[in-house]
Amino acid sequence: DAESALSEENVKLRNDVDVATKRVEDLMGALETEKSLNSAQSLSESAVNERLAVASAANTELQGQIDALKLRVEELTLDVESSQEEMHKVTAESSDTERKLATK
């Protein structure tokens, strides 16, 4: 009777060991999955960082072009203002000349 009780206890312990072994295997599988996901996330973050660096460089380049265009617009605005002043002078001189001719 004691022998059969020990045999039953032995079977029960073997079942417990099998269940524990299965649980460890499941946890190891989950750990491997987690490692794979972390690795993929790390690669993804690296790719995003590379794209951000490229976008930042492009943004800096575009900002430089925008600044150069703003300067050119200012130059052209000054040229237009100067041309308008010259036009007013010529118009005034022309009016003055017409008056002088009209009085002759």
Protein backbone atom coordinates (compact mmCIF):
# COMPACT_ATOMS: atom_id res chain seq x y z
CA ASP A 1 0.00 0.00 0.00
CA ALA A 2 2.86 2.33 0.81
CA GLU A 3 4.47 1.33 -2.46
CA SER A 4 1.36 2.25 -4.44
CA ALA A 5 1.12 5.59 -2.59
CA LEU A 6 4.76 6.32 -3.50
CA SER A 7 4.06 5.31 -7.09
CA GLU A 8 1.06 7.66 -7.20
CA GLU A 9 3.15 10.46 -5.70
CA ASN A 10 5.87 9.74 -8.26
CA VAL A 11 3.37 9.95 -11.16
CA LYS A 12 1.96 13.17 -9.72
CA LEU A 13 5.45 14.67 -9.40
CA ARG A 14 6.30 13.65 -12.97
CA ASN A 15 3.11 15.35 -14.19
CA ASP A 16 4.02 18.46 -12.20
CA VAL A 17 7.50 18.40 -13.74
CA ASP A 18 5.98 18.02 -17.22
CA VAL A 19 3.63 20.95 -16.61
CA ALA A 20 6.50 23.06 -15.25
CA THR A 21 8.72 22.10 -18.21
CA LYS A 22 5.95 23.07 -20.65
CA ARG A 23 5.51 26.39 -18.83
CA VAL A 24 9.26 27.10 -19.02
CA GLU A 25 9.24 26.28 -22.74
CA ASP A 26 6.27 28.65 -23.25
CA LEU A 27 8.05 31.39 -21.33
CA MET A 28 11.24 30.85 -23.35
CA GLY A 29 9.23 31.11 -26.55
CA ALA A 30 7.61 34.31 -25.32
CA LEU A 31 11.04 35.68 -24.42
CA GLU A 32 12.37 34.92 -27.91
CA THR A 33 9.31 36.60 -29.43
CA GLU A 34 9.89 39.64 -27.21
CA LYS A 35 13.55 39.77 -28.26
CA SER A 36 12.55 39.62 -31.92
CA LEU A 37 9.99 42.39 -31.45
CA ASN A 38 12.52 44.56 -29.60
CA SER A 39 15.05 43.98 -32.36
CA ALA A 40 12.51 44.91 -35.02
CA GLN A 41 11.49 48.00 -33.05
CA SER A 42 15.12 49.02 -32.68
CA LEU A 43 15.64 48.67 -36.44
CA SER A 44 12.45 50.62 -37.05
CA GLU A 45 13.57 53.40 -34.71
CA SER A 46 16.93 53.48 -36.45
CA ALA A 47 15.23 53.85 -39.84
CA VAL A 48 13.01 56.62 -38.48
CA ASN A 49 16.04 58.42 -37.06
CA GLU A 50 17.80 58.18 -40.42
CA ARG A 51 14.75 59.61 -42.19
CA LEU A 52 14.54 62.40 -39.63
CA ALA A 53 18.20 63.25 -40.23
CA VAL A 54 17.63 63.37 -44.00
CA ALA A 55 14.50 65.48 -43.57
CA SER A 56 16.34 67.84 -41.21
CA ALA A 57 19.17 68.28 -43.71
CA ALA A 58 16.67 68.95 -46.50
CA ASN A 59 14.84 71.42 -44.26
CA THR A 60 18.10 73.26 -43.52
CA GLU A 61 18.91 73.40 -47.22
CA LEU A 62 15.43 74.70 -48.07
CA GLN A 63 15.64 77.30 -45.31
CA GLY A 64 18.91 78.52 -46.84
CA GLN A 65 17.23 78.79 -50.24
CA ILE A 66 14.28 80.66 -48.70
CA ASP A 67 16.64 83.12 -47.00
CA ALA A 68 18.49 83.68 -50.28
CA LEU A 69 15.18 84.30 -52.06
CA LYS A 70 14.12 86.79 -49.37
CA LEU A 71 17.35 88.71 -49.91
CA ARG A 72 16.79 88.71 -53.65
CA VAL A 73 13.22 90.01 -53.17
CA GLU A 74 14.60 92.83 -51.00
CA GLU A 75 17.17 93.68 -53.68
CA LEU A 76 14.51 93.71 -56.38
CA THR A 77 12.23 95.84 -54.20
CA LEU A 78 15.02 98.40 -53.78
CA ASP A 79 15.66 98.31 -57.55
CA VAL A 80 11.96 98.94 -58.23
CA GLU A 81 11.87 101.81 -55.73
CA SER A 82 15.00 103.31 -57.29
CA SER A 83 13.50 102.97 -60.77
CA GLN A 84 10.29 104.64 -59.60
CA GLU A 85 12.27 107.55 -58.15
CA GLU A 86 14.18 107.87 -61.43
CA MET A 87 10.89 107.77 -63.34
CA HIS A 88 9.46 110.55 -61.15
CA LYS A 89 12.58 112.65 -61.80
CA VAL A 90 12.33 112.12 -65.55
CA THR A 91 8.60 112.91 -65.46
CA ALA A 92 9.27 116.09 -63.47
CA GLU A 93 12.08 117.10 -65.85
CA SER A 94 9.83 116.38 -68.82
CA SER A 95 7.03 118.49 -67.33
CA ASP A 96 9.50 121.27 -66.62
CA THR A 97 10.82 121.10 -70.18
CA GLU A 98 7.27 121.16 -71.58
CA ARG A 99 6.49 124.25 -69.50
CA LYS A 100 9.62 126.00 -70.70
CA LEU A 101 8.76 125.17 -74.32
CA ALA A 102 5.20 126.32 -73.84
CA THR A 103 6.34 129.69 -72.48
CA LYS A 104 8.62 130.31 -75.47
